[in-house]
N, C-alpha and C. Protein backbone atom coordinates (compact mmCIF):
# COMPACT_ATOMS: atom_id res chain seq x y z
N MET A 1 0.85 -1.17 0.00
CA MET A 1 0.00 0.00 0.00
C MET A 1 0.90 1.23 0.00
N PRO A 2 0.69 2.14 -0.93
CA PRO A 2 1.50 3.35 -0.97
C PRO A 2 1.35 4.15 0.33
N ARG A 3 2.39 4.90 0.67
CA ARG A 3 2.40 5.64 1.94
C ARG A 3 1.24 6.64 2.03
N ARG A 4 0.91 7.33 0.94
CA ARG A 4 -0.18 8.31 0.98
C ARG A 4 -1.49 7.62 1.35
N ALA A 5 -1.79 6.50 0.73
CA ALA A 5 -3.02 5.79 1.02
C ALA A 5 -3.02 5.30 2.46
N LEU A 6 -1.90 4.79 2.93
CA LEU A 6 -1.80 4.33 4.31
C LEU A 6 -2.03 5.49 5.27
N GLY A 7 -1.47 6.65 4.97
CA GLY A 7 -1.65 7.82 5.80
C GLY A 7 -3.10 8.27 5.86
N ILE A 8 -3.78 8.28 4.73
CA ILE A 8 -5.19 8.67 4.70
C ILE A 8 -6.02 7.67 5.47
N HIS A 9 -5.74 6.36 5.31
CA HIS A 9 -6.46 5.33 6.08
C HIS A 9 -6.26 5.58 7.56
N ALA A 10 -5.04 5.80 7.97
CA ALA A 10 -4.74 6.02 9.38
C ALA A 10 -5.45 7.26 9.90
N LEU A 11 -5.43 8.34 9.15
CA LEU A 11 -6.10 9.57 9.56
C LEU A 11 -7.61 9.34 9.70
N THR A 12 -8.19 8.68 8.74
CA THR A 12 -9.63 8.42 8.79
C THR A 12 -9.98 7.58 10.00
N LEU A 13 -9.21 6.54 10.26
CA LEU A 13 -9.49 5.68 11.41
C LEU A 13 -9.23 6.39 12.73
N LEU A 14 -8.25 7.27 12.77
CA LEU A 14 -7.99 8.03 13.99
C LEU A 14 -9.11 9.03 14.28
N LEU A 15 -9.73 9.55 13.23
CA LEU A 15 -10.81 10.51 13.42
C LEU A 15 -12.13 9.85 13.82
N ALA A 16 -12.28 8.57 13.54
CA ALA A 16 -13.55 7.89 13.79
C ALA A 16 -14.01 8.02 15.24
N PRO A 17 -13.15 7.81 16.27
CA PRO A 17 -13.65 7.97 17.65
C PRO A 17 -14.11 9.39 17.95
N ALA A 18 -13.42 10.38 17.44
CA ALA A 18 -13.83 11.76 17.67
C ALA A 18 -15.17 12.04 16.99
N ILE A 19 -15.34 11.49 15.80
CA ILE A 19 -16.60 11.67 15.08
C ILE A 19 -17.74 11.03 15.86
N ALA A 20 -17.48 9.89 16.47
CA ALA A 20 -18.51 9.16 17.20
C ALA A 20 -19.04 9.95 18.39
N HIS A 21 -18.24 10.88 18.91
CA HIS A 21 -18.66 11.66 20.07
C HIS A 21 -19.05 13.08 19.70
N ALA A 22 -19.28 13.33 18.43
CA ALA A 22 -19.66 14.66 17.97
C ALA A 22 -21.05 15.01 18.46
N ASP A 23 -21.29 16.30 18.67
CA ASP A 23 -22.62 16.74 19.07
C ASP A 23 -23.56 16.64 17.89
N PRO A 24 -24.84 16.33 18.17
CA PRO A 24 -25.81 16.25 17.07
C PRO A 24 -25.93 17.59 16.36
N PRO A 25 -26.28 17.57 15.08
CA PRO A 25 -26.44 18.82 14.33
C PRO A 25 -27.67 19.59 14.80
N ALA A 26 -27.77 20.81 14.36
CA ALA A 26 -28.87 21.68 14.77
C ALA A 26 -30.23 21.18 14.31
N ILE A 27 -30.27 20.29 13.32
CA ILE A 27 -31.56 19.81 12.82
C ILE A 27 -32.09 18.63 13.62
N ALA A 28 -31.45 18.32 14.75
CA ALA A 28 -31.90 17.21 15.58
C ALA A 28 -33.32 17.48 16.08
N PRO A 29 -34.11 16.42 16.26
CA PRO A 29 -35.47 16.60 16.76
C PRO A 29 -35.47 17.31 18.11
N VAL A 30 -36.45 18.17 18.29
CA VAL A 30 -36.57 18.93 19.53
C VAL A 30 -37.51 18.18 20.46
N PRO A 31 -37.08 17.95 21.73
CA PRO A 31 -37.97 17.26 22.66
C PRO A 31 -39.26 18.06 22.87
N LEU A 32 -40.37 17.35 22.91
CA LEU A 32 -41.66 18.00 23.11
C LEU A 32 -42.05 17.91 24.58
N PRO A 33 -42.80 18.89 25.06
CA PRO A 33 -43.29 18.78 26.44
C PRO A 33 -44.29 17.63 26.55
N ALA A 34 -44.42 17.11 27.73
CA ALA A 34 -45.34 15.99 27.95
C ALA A 34 -46.79 16.48 27.84
N PRO A 35 -47.53 15.89 26.89
CA PRO A 35 -48.95 16.23 26.82
C PRO A 35 -49.66 15.72 28.07
N LYS A 36 -50.75 16.37 28.42
CA LYS A 36 -51.51 15.93 29.59
C LYS A 36 -51.97 14.49 29.39
N GLY A 37 -51.74 13.70 30.41
CA GLY A 37 -52.19 12.33 30.38
C GLY A 37 -51.24 11.34 29.74
N GLN A 38 -50.13 11.80 29.17
CA GLN A 38 -49.20 10.86 28.54
C GLN A 38 -48.28 10.27 29.60
N ASP A 39 -47.99 9.02 29.43
CA ASP A 39 -47.13 8.27 30.34
C ASP A 39 -45.72 8.84 30.34
N PRO A 40 -45.21 9.24 31.51
CA PRO A 40 -43.83 9.76 31.56
C PRO A 40 -42.79 8.75 31.06
N ALA A 41 -43.05 7.45 31.25
CA ALA A 41 -42.12 6.43 30.76
C ALA A 41 -42.09 6.43 29.23
N ALA A 42 -43.24 6.67 28.62
CA ALA A 42 -43.29 6.73 27.15
C ALA A 42 -42.53 7.95 26.65
N ILE A 43 -42.65 9.05 27.36
CA ILE A 43 -41.93 10.27 26.98
C ILE A 43 -40.43 10.02 27.07
N ALA A 44 -40.00 9.42 28.18
CA ALA A 44 -38.57 9.13 28.37
C ALA A 44 -38.06 8.16 27.31
N ALA A 45 -38.87 7.15 26.97
CA ALA A 45 -38.46 6.19 25.94
C ALA A 45 -38.35 6.86 24.59
N ARG A 46 -39.30 7.75 24.28
CA ARG A 46 -39.26 8.49 23.00
C ARG A 46 -37.98 9.32 22.92
N GLU A 47 -37.70 10.07 23.98
CA GLU A 47 -36.53 10.93 23.98
C GLU A 47 -35.24 10.12 23.88
N ALA A 48 -35.16 8.99 24.58
CA ALA A 48 -33.96 8.14 24.52
C ALA A 48 -33.79 7.58 23.11
N HIS A 49 -34.89 7.15 22.51
CA HIS A 49 -34.83 6.60 21.14
C HIS A 49 -34.36 7.67 20.15
N LEU A 50 -34.96 8.85 20.24
CA LEU A 50 -34.60 9.92 19.32
C LEU A 50 -33.16 10.37 19.52
N GLU A 51 -32.72 10.43 20.76
CA GLU A 51 -31.34 10.83 21.03
C GLU A 51 -30.34 9.81 20.47
N THR A 52 -30.62 8.54 20.70
CA THR A 52 -29.73 7.49 20.21
C THR A 52 -29.67 7.48 18.69
N GLN A 53 -30.81 7.57 18.05
CA GLN A 53 -30.84 7.53 16.60
C GLN A 53 -30.25 8.80 15.99
N THR A 54 -30.43 9.93 16.65
CA THR A 54 -29.82 11.18 16.17
C THR A 54 -28.30 11.07 16.25
N ARG A 55 -27.80 10.53 17.35
CA ARG A 55 -26.35 10.35 17.48
C ARG A 55 -25.85 9.41 16.38
N ALA A 56 -26.58 8.35 16.10
CA ALA A 56 -26.18 7.41 15.03
C ALA A 56 -26.10 8.12 13.69
N MET A 57 -27.09 8.94 13.38
CA MET A 57 -27.09 9.63 12.09
C MET A 57 -25.99 10.70 12.05
N THR A 58 -25.66 11.28 13.20
CA THR A 58 -24.56 12.25 13.27
C THR A 58 -23.23 11.56 12.97
N VAL A 59 -23.03 10.40 13.56
CA VAL A 59 -21.80 9.64 13.31
C VAL A 59 -21.73 9.26 11.84
N LEU A 60 -22.83 8.74 11.30
CA LEU A 60 -22.84 8.31 9.90
C LEU A 60 -22.61 9.49 8.96
N THR A 61 -23.21 10.64 9.25
CA THR A 61 -23.00 11.84 8.43
C THR A 61 -21.54 12.27 8.49
N SER A 62 -20.97 12.27 9.69
CA SER A 62 -19.57 12.67 9.85
C SER A 62 -18.65 11.73 9.09
N TRP A 63 -18.93 10.44 9.16
CA TRP A 63 -18.12 9.46 8.42
C TRP A 63 -18.27 9.69 6.92
N ALA A 64 -19.48 9.98 6.48
CA ALA A 64 -19.72 10.23 5.05
C ALA A 64 -18.90 11.43 4.58
N VAL A 65 -18.92 12.50 5.34
CA VAL A 65 -18.17 13.71 4.96
C VAL A 65 -16.67 13.41 4.95
N ALA A 66 -16.17 12.72 5.98
CA ALA A 66 -14.74 12.38 6.04
C ALA A 66 -14.36 11.47 4.88
N SER A 67 -15.22 10.51 4.55
CA SER A 67 -14.94 9.59 3.45
C SER A 67 -14.89 10.32 2.12
N ILE A 68 -15.85 11.20 1.90
CA ILE A 68 -15.87 11.95 0.63
C ILE A 68 -14.66 12.86 0.54
N ALA A 69 -14.33 13.54 1.62
CA ALA A 69 -13.19 14.47 1.59
C ALA A 69 -11.88 13.74 1.37
N THR A 70 -11.63 12.68 2.13
CA THR A 70 -10.37 11.95 1.96
C THR A 70 -10.35 11.22 0.62
N GLY A 71 -11.49 10.70 0.23
CA GLY A 71 -11.56 10.01 -1.06
C GLY A 71 -11.30 10.94 -2.22
N ALA A 72 -11.89 12.12 -2.18
CA ALA A 72 -11.67 13.09 -3.25
C ALA A 72 -10.20 13.52 -3.32
N ALA A 73 -9.59 13.69 -2.15
CA ALA A 73 -8.17 14.05 -2.12
C ALA A 73 -7.31 12.94 -2.72
N LEU A 74 -7.59 11.71 -2.34
CA LEU A 74 -6.84 10.59 -2.91
C LEU A 74 -7.05 10.48 -4.41
N TRP A 75 -8.29 10.58 -4.83
CA TRP A 75 -8.64 10.44 -6.23
C TRP A 75 -7.95 11.52 -7.07
N ALA A 76 -7.95 12.73 -6.55
CA ALA A 76 -7.39 13.86 -7.31
C ALA A 76 -5.87 13.88 -7.34
N THR A 77 -5.22 13.39 -6.29
CA THR A 77 -3.77 13.55 -6.19
C THR A 77 -2.99 12.25 -6.36
N ALA A 78 -3.69 11.15 -6.46
CA ALA A 78 -3.00 9.85 -6.53
C ALA A 78 -2.15 9.74 -7.79
N GLY A 79 -0.99 9.17 -7.60
CA GLY A 79 -0.11 8.94 -8.74
C GLY A 79 -0.13 7.50 -9.20
N ASP A 80 -1.01 6.70 -8.63
CA ASP A 80 -1.07 5.28 -9.00
C ASP A 80 -2.51 4.79 -8.93
N ASP A 81 -2.77 3.69 -9.63
CA ASP A 81 -4.12 3.15 -9.71
C ASP A 81 -4.63 2.65 -8.36
N TYR A 82 -3.77 2.10 -7.53
CA TYR A 82 -4.16 1.56 -6.23
C TYR A 82 -4.78 2.67 -5.37
N THR A 83 -4.06 3.75 -5.22
CA THR A 83 -4.52 4.86 -4.37
C THR A 83 -5.74 5.53 -4.97
N ARG A 84 -5.74 5.74 -6.28
CA ARG A 84 -6.88 6.36 -6.96
C ARG A 84 -8.14 5.50 -6.76
N SER A 85 -7.99 4.22 -6.82
CA SER A 85 -9.12 3.32 -6.65
C SER A 85 -9.67 3.37 -5.21
N ILE A 86 -8.78 3.50 -4.24
CA ILE A 86 -9.23 3.66 -2.84
C ILE A 86 -10.04 4.96 -2.73
N GLY A 87 -9.55 6.02 -3.36
CA GLY A 87 -10.24 7.29 -3.31
C GLY A 87 -11.64 7.21 -3.89
N ILE A 88 -11.76 6.55 -5.03
CA ILE A 88 -13.08 6.40 -5.66
C ILE A 88 -14.03 5.64 -4.74
N GLN A 89 -13.55 4.57 -4.13
CA GLN A 89 -14.38 3.81 -3.20
C GLN A 89 -14.83 4.68 -2.03
N ASN A 90 -13.92 5.48 -1.48
CA ASN A 90 -14.29 6.34 -0.35
C ASN A 90 -15.36 7.35 -0.75
N VAL A 91 -15.22 7.95 -1.93
CA VAL A 91 -16.22 8.91 -2.38
C VAL A 91 -17.57 8.21 -2.56
N ALA A 92 -17.58 7.07 -3.21
CA ALA A 92 -18.83 6.36 -3.49
C ALA A 92 -19.52 5.91 -2.19
N TRP A 93 -18.78 5.29 -1.30
CA TRP A 93 -19.36 4.83 -0.04
C TRP A 93 -19.79 6.02 0.81
N GLY A 94 -19.01 7.08 0.80
CA GLY A 94 -19.39 8.27 1.57
C GLY A 94 -20.69 8.86 1.07
N ALA A 95 -20.87 8.89 -0.25
CA ALA A 95 -22.11 9.42 -0.82
C ALA A 95 -23.31 8.57 -0.39
N VAL A 96 -23.16 7.26 -0.44
CA VAL A 96 -24.26 6.37 -0.03
C VAL A 96 -24.55 6.55 1.46
N ASP A 97 -23.51 6.60 2.28
CA ASP A 97 -23.71 6.82 3.72
C ASP A 97 -24.42 8.14 3.98
N GLY A 98 -24.08 9.17 3.23
CA GLY A 98 -24.73 10.46 3.39
C GLY A 98 -26.21 10.41 3.06
N VAL A 99 -26.55 9.71 1.99
CA VAL A 99 -27.96 9.56 1.60
C VAL A 99 -28.72 8.79 2.69
N ILE A 100 -28.12 7.71 3.19
CA ILE A 100 -28.76 6.93 4.25
C ILE A 100 -28.99 7.80 5.48
N ALA A 101 -27.99 8.57 5.87
CA ALA A 101 -28.14 9.46 7.03
C ALA A 101 -29.23 10.49 6.79
N GLY A 102 -29.32 11.01 5.58
CA GLY A 102 -30.37 11.98 5.27
C GLY A 102 -31.76 11.39 5.45
N PHE A 103 -31.96 10.17 4.97
CA PHE A 103 -33.24 9.51 5.18
C PHE A 103 -33.48 9.23 6.66
N GLY A 104 -32.41 8.91 7.38
CA GLY A 104 -32.53 8.68 8.82
C GLY A 104 -32.99 9.93 9.55
N TYR A 105 -32.39 11.08 9.22
CA TYR A 105 -32.81 12.34 9.83
C TYR A 105 -34.27 12.65 9.50
N ARG A 106 -34.65 12.38 8.27
CA ARG A 106 -36.03 12.64 7.86
C ARG A 106 -37.01 11.80 8.68
N GLY A 107 -36.66 10.53 8.89
CA GLY A 107 -37.51 9.67 9.72
C GLY A 107 -37.58 10.13 11.16
N LEU A 108 -36.46 10.61 11.68
CA LEU A 108 -36.44 11.11 13.06
C LEU A 108 -37.31 12.36 13.21
N ALA A 109 -37.28 13.22 12.22
CA ALA A 109 -38.11 14.43 12.28
C ALA A 109 -39.59 14.05 12.34
N LYS A 110 -39.96 13.01 11.61
CA LYS A 110 -41.36 12.56 11.63
C LYS A 110 -41.71 11.95 12.99
N GLN A 111 -40.77 11.25 13.60
CA GLN A 111 -41.04 10.59 14.88
C GLN A 111 -41.05 11.55 16.05
N SER A 112 -40.37 12.68 15.94
CA SER A 112 -40.20 13.56 17.09
C SER A 112 -41.52 14.07 17.66
N GLY A 113 -42.53 14.20 16.86
CA GLY A 113 -43.81 14.71 17.34
C GLY A 113 -44.83 13.64 17.69
N LEU A 114 -44.44 12.39 17.61
CA LEU A 114 -45.40 11.32 17.86
C LEU A 114 -45.72 11.16 19.34
N ASP A 115 -46.98 11.02 19.61
CA ASP A 115 -47.47 10.76 20.98
C ASP A 115 -47.91 9.30 21.00
N LYS A 116 -46.96 8.41 21.30
CA LYS A 116 -47.22 6.97 21.26
C LYS A 116 -46.96 6.37 22.64
N PRO A 117 -47.53 5.21 22.90
CA PRO A 117 -47.30 4.55 24.20
C PRO A 117 -45.88 3.98 24.30
N LEU A 118 -45.51 3.63 25.51
CA LEU A 118 -44.20 3.06 25.80
C LEU A 118 -43.91 1.86 24.90
N SER A 119 -44.87 1.00 24.69
CA SER A 119 -44.65 -0.21 23.88
C SER A 119 -44.23 0.14 22.45
N TYR A 120 -44.75 1.24 21.91
CA TYR A 120 -44.36 1.67 20.57
C TYR A 120 -42.87 1.98 20.53
N TRP A 121 -42.37 2.76 21.51
CA TRP A 121 -40.97 3.16 21.52
C TRP A 121 -40.05 1.98 21.81
N GLN A 122 -40.52 1.06 22.63
CA GLN A 122 -39.73 -0.16 22.86
C GLN A 122 -39.62 -0.98 21.58
N ALA A 123 -40.71 -1.07 20.84
CA ALA A 123 -40.69 -1.80 19.56
C ALA A 123 -39.79 -1.09 18.55
N GLU A 124 -39.82 0.24 18.52
CA GLU A 124 -38.96 1.00 17.61
C GLU A 124 -37.48 0.75 17.93
N ASP A 125 -37.15 0.71 19.22
CA ASP A 125 -35.77 0.42 19.61
C ASP A 125 -35.35 -0.98 19.17
N ARG A 126 -36.22 -1.96 19.39
CA ARG A 126 -35.90 -3.34 18.97
C ARG A 126 -35.71 -3.40 17.46
N LYS A 127 -36.60 -2.74 16.72
CA LYS A 127 -36.51 -2.73 15.26
C LYS A 127 -35.20 -2.10 14.81
N ALA A 128 -34.85 -0.96 15.39
CA ALA A 128 -33.61 -0.28 15.00
C ALA A 128 -32.39 -1.15 15.31
N ARG A 129 -32.37 -1.76 16.47
CA ARG A 129 -31.23 -2.61 16.84
C ARG A 129 -31.13 -3.81 15.90
N THR A 130 -32.26 -4.39 15.54
CA THR A 130 -32.25 -5.53 14.60
C THR A 130 -31.68 -5.09 13.25
N ILE A 131 -32.11 -3.95 12.77
CA ILE A 131 -31.60 -3.45 11.49
C ILE A 131 -30.09 -3.25 11.55
N PHE A 132 -29.61 -2.64 12.64
CA PHE A 132 -28.16 -2.44 12.79
C PHE A 132 -27.41 -3.76 12.82
N LEU A 133 -27.95 -4.76 13.51
CA LEU A 133 -27.25 -6.06 13.60
C LEU A 133 -27.27 -6.80 12.26
N VAL A 134 -28.37 -6.71 11.53
CA VAL A 134 -28.41 -7.31 10.19
C VAL A 134 -27.38 -6.61 9.30
N ASN A 135 -27.31 -5.29 9.39
CA ASN A 135 -26.31 -4.56 8.62
C ASN A 135 -24.90 -4.96 9.02
N ALA A 136 -24.66 -5.22 10.30
CA ALA A 136 -23.33 -5.66 10.74
C ALA A 136 -22.96 -6.98 10.05
N GLY A 137 -23.94 -7.86 9.87
CA GLY A 137 -23.68 -9.10 9.14
C GLY A 137 -23.30 -8.83 7.70
N LEU A 138 -23.99 -7.89 7.08
CA LEU A 138 -23.64 -7.52 5.70
C LEU A 138 -22.26 -6.89 5.64
N ASP A 139 -21.91 -6.12 6.68
CA ASP A 139 -20.60 -5.48 6.72
C ASP A 139 -19.47 -6.51 6.72
N VAL A 140 -19.70 -7.64 7.37
CA VAL A 140 -18.70 -8.71 7.36
C VAL A 140 -18.47 -9.17 5.92
N LEU A 141 -19.54 -9.24 5.15
CA LEU A 141 -19.40 -9.63 3.74
C LEU A 141 -18.60 -8.59 2.96
N TYR A 142 -18.82 -7.30 3.25
CA TYR A 142 -18.06 -6.25 2.57
C TYR A 142 -16.57 -6.37 2.88
N VAL A 143 -16.26 -6.56 4.16
CA VAL A 143 -14.85 -6.67 4.56
C VAL A 143 -14.22 -7.89 3.92
N THR A 144 -14.94 -9.00 3.91
CA THR A 144 -14.42 -10.22 3.30
C THR A 144 -14.21 -10.04 1.80
N ALA A 145 -15.17 -9.45 1.13
CA ALA A 145 -15.02 -9.21 -0.31
C ALA A 145 -13.84 -8.30 -0.58
N GLY A 146 -13.70 -7.25 0.23
CA GLY A 146 -12.58 -6.34 0.06
C GLY A 146 -11.25 -7.03 0.26
N ALA A 147 -11.17 -7.86 1.30
CA ALA A 147 -9.93 -8.59 1.57
C ALA A 147 -9.59 -9.55 0.43
N LEU A 148 -10.60 -10.19 -0.10
CA LEU A 148 -10.37 -11.10 -1.24
C LEU A 148 -9.89 -10.32 -2.47
N MET A 149 -10.44 -9.14 -2.68
CA MET A 149 -10.01 -8.31 -3.81
C MET A 149 -8.55 -7.88 -3.63
N VAL A 150 -8.19 -7.51 -2.39
CA VAL A 150 -6.80 -7.12 -2.12
C VAL A 150 -5.88 -8.31 -2.33
N GLY A 151 -6.27 -9.47 -1.82
CA GLY A 151 -5.41 -10.65 -1.88
C GLY A 151 -5.30 -11.30 -3.25
N PHE A 152 -6.38 -11.25 -4.00
CA PHE A 152 -6.40 -11.98 -5.27
C PHE A 152 -6.61 -11.10 -6.50
N GLY A 153 -6.66 -9.79 -6.30
CA GLY A 153 -6.87 -8.88 -7.42
C GLY A 153 -5.76 -8.99 -8.45
N LYS A 154 -6.15 -8.91 -9.71
CA LYS A 154 -5.19 -9.08 -10.81
C LYS A 154 -4.35 -7.83 -11.06
N ASN A 155 -4.80 -6.68 -10.53
CA ASN A 155 -4.04 -5.45 -10.76
C ASN A 155 -4.24 -4.49 -9.60
N ASP A 156 -3.50 -3.39 -9.63
CA ASP A 156 -3.57 -2.42 -8.54
C ASP A 156 -4.94 -1.76 -8.43
N TRP A 157 -5.61 -1.59 -9.55
CA TRP A 157 -6.94 -0.98 -9.53
C TRP A 157 -7.91 -1.82 -8.70
N VAL A 158 -7.93 -3.12 -8.93
CA VAL A 158 -8.81 -4.03 -8.20
C VAL A 158 -8.38 -4.13 -6.73
N ARG A 159 -7.07 -4.24 -6.48
CA ARG A 159 -6.58 -4.32 -5.10
C ARG A 159 -6.89 -3.04 -4.33
N GLY A 160 -6.76 -1.89 -4.97
CA GLY A 160 -7.10 -0.63 -4.31
C GLY A 160 -8.59 -0.54 -3.99
N ALA A 161 -9.41 -0.96 -4.94
CA ALA A 161 -10.86 -0.98 -4.69
C ALA A 161 -11.17 -1.90 -3.51
N GLY A 162 -10.50 -3.04 -3.45
CA GLY A 162 -10.70 -3.96 -2.33
C GLY A 162 -10.31 -3.33 -1.00
N ALA A 163 -9.20 -2.60 -1.00
CA ALA A 163 -8.77 -1.93 0.24
C ALA A 163 -9.81 -0.89 0.66
N GLY A 164 -10.35 -0.16 -0.30
CA GLY A 164 -11.39 0.83 0.01
C GLY A 164 -12.65 0.19 0.55
N VAL A 165 -13.06 -0.91 -0.06
CA VAL A 165 -14.25 -1.63 0.41
C VAL A 165 -14.02 -2.18 1.82
N ALA A 166 -12.84 -2.75 2.06
CA ALA A 166 -12.53 -3.30 3.38
C ALA A 166 -12.51 -2.19 4.44
N LEU A 167 -11.95 -1.04 4.11
CA LEU A 167 -11.92 0.08 5.05
C LEU A 167 -13.34 0.53 5.40
N GLN A 168 -14.15 0.77 4.39
CA GLN A 168 -15.52 1.23 4.63
C GLN A 168 -16.33 0.17 5.38
N GLY A 169 -16.18 -1.08 4.98
CA GLY A 169 -16.89 -2.16 5.66
C GLY A 169 -16.47 -2.31 7.11
N SER A 170 -15.20 -2.07 7.40
CA SER A 170 -14.71 -2.18 8.78
C SER A 170 -15.34 -1.10 9.66
N PHE A 171 -15.36 0.13 9.17
CA PHE A 171 -16.02 1.17 9.95
C PHE A 171 -17.49 0.83 10.16
N LEU A 172 -18.18 0.47 9.08
CA LEU A 172 -19.61 0.18 9.18
C LEU A 172 -19.88 -0.99 10.12
N PHE A 173 -18.99 -1.99 10.12
CA PHE A 173 -19.16 -3.11 11.04
C PHE A 173 -19.08 -2.62 12.49
N ALA A 174 -18.09 -1.81 12.80
CA ALA A 174 -17.95 -1.28 14.17
C ALA A 174 -19.16 -0.42 14.54
N PHE A 175 -19.57 0.43 13.63
CA PHE A 175 -20.71 1.32 13.86
C PHE A 175 -22.00 0.53 14.06
N ASP A 176 -22.31 -0.36 13.11
CA ASP A 176 -23.56 -1.12 13.18
C ASP A 176 -23.59 -2.04 14.39
N THR A 177 -22.45 -2.65 14.73
CA THR A 177 -22.39 -3.52 15.89
C THR A 177 -22.64 -2.73 17.17
N ALA A 178 -21.97 -1.58 17.31
CA ALA A 178 -22.17 -0.75 18.50
C ALA A 178 -23.61 -0.31 18.63
N MET A 179 -24.21 0.11 17.54
CA MET A 179 -25.61 0.56 17.59
C MET A 179 -26.55 -0.62 17.84
N GLY A 180 -26.27 -1.74 17.23
CA GLY A 180 -27.13 -2.91 17.40
C GLY A 180 -27.08 -3.49 18.80
N LEU A 181 -25.95 -3.34 19.45
CA LEU A 181 -25.82 -3.86 20.82
C LEU A 181 -26.27 -2.84 21.86
N GLY A 182 -26.73 -1.69 21.39
CA GLY A 182 -27.33 -0.75 22.31
C GLY A 182 -26.47 0.36 22.79
N ALA A 183 -25.53 0.81 21.98
CA ALA A 183 -24.68 1.94 22.37
C ALA A 183 -25.58 3.16 22.58
N ARG A 184 -25.39 3.82 23.69
CA ARG A 184 -26.18 5.03 23.99
C ARG A 184 -25.24 6.14 24.34
């Protein structure tokens, strides 16, 4: 792996913990006051769900921005096919992650005003955790495919794409696993 690509990988991975603890953006759902007669436990469950999911979308958005920025830099400045291919993968995966986060924020905005019972919010949490854990399983496939491309690729272009896929899949595996196991 060329030094520039290794440096960008290292920088991206070093930034991931800081990104994970970033404050939610200003568009985060605003907590609503408790309507008369609503169960305080349901209100607390709603707020916990919205806070957790907002943090998840903040992390995913931050990763998307970092991926696009580092990928574009690699793509534009790379002097070899391996590094250029990693850059293209970072840009592509970052764009997809950004779109997913956008839809996530949109769903959260719709949920923020819902007056639902505790059981609804408990079911929403279970559903979200299941989705994250299923995604973690898919992430293992991405990492495996990327590793196979690196190991058996016929040229630097394929090996670089594999490295990019493995990098993105590794982050997503850590992210989805943490969210699926109930990171708050």
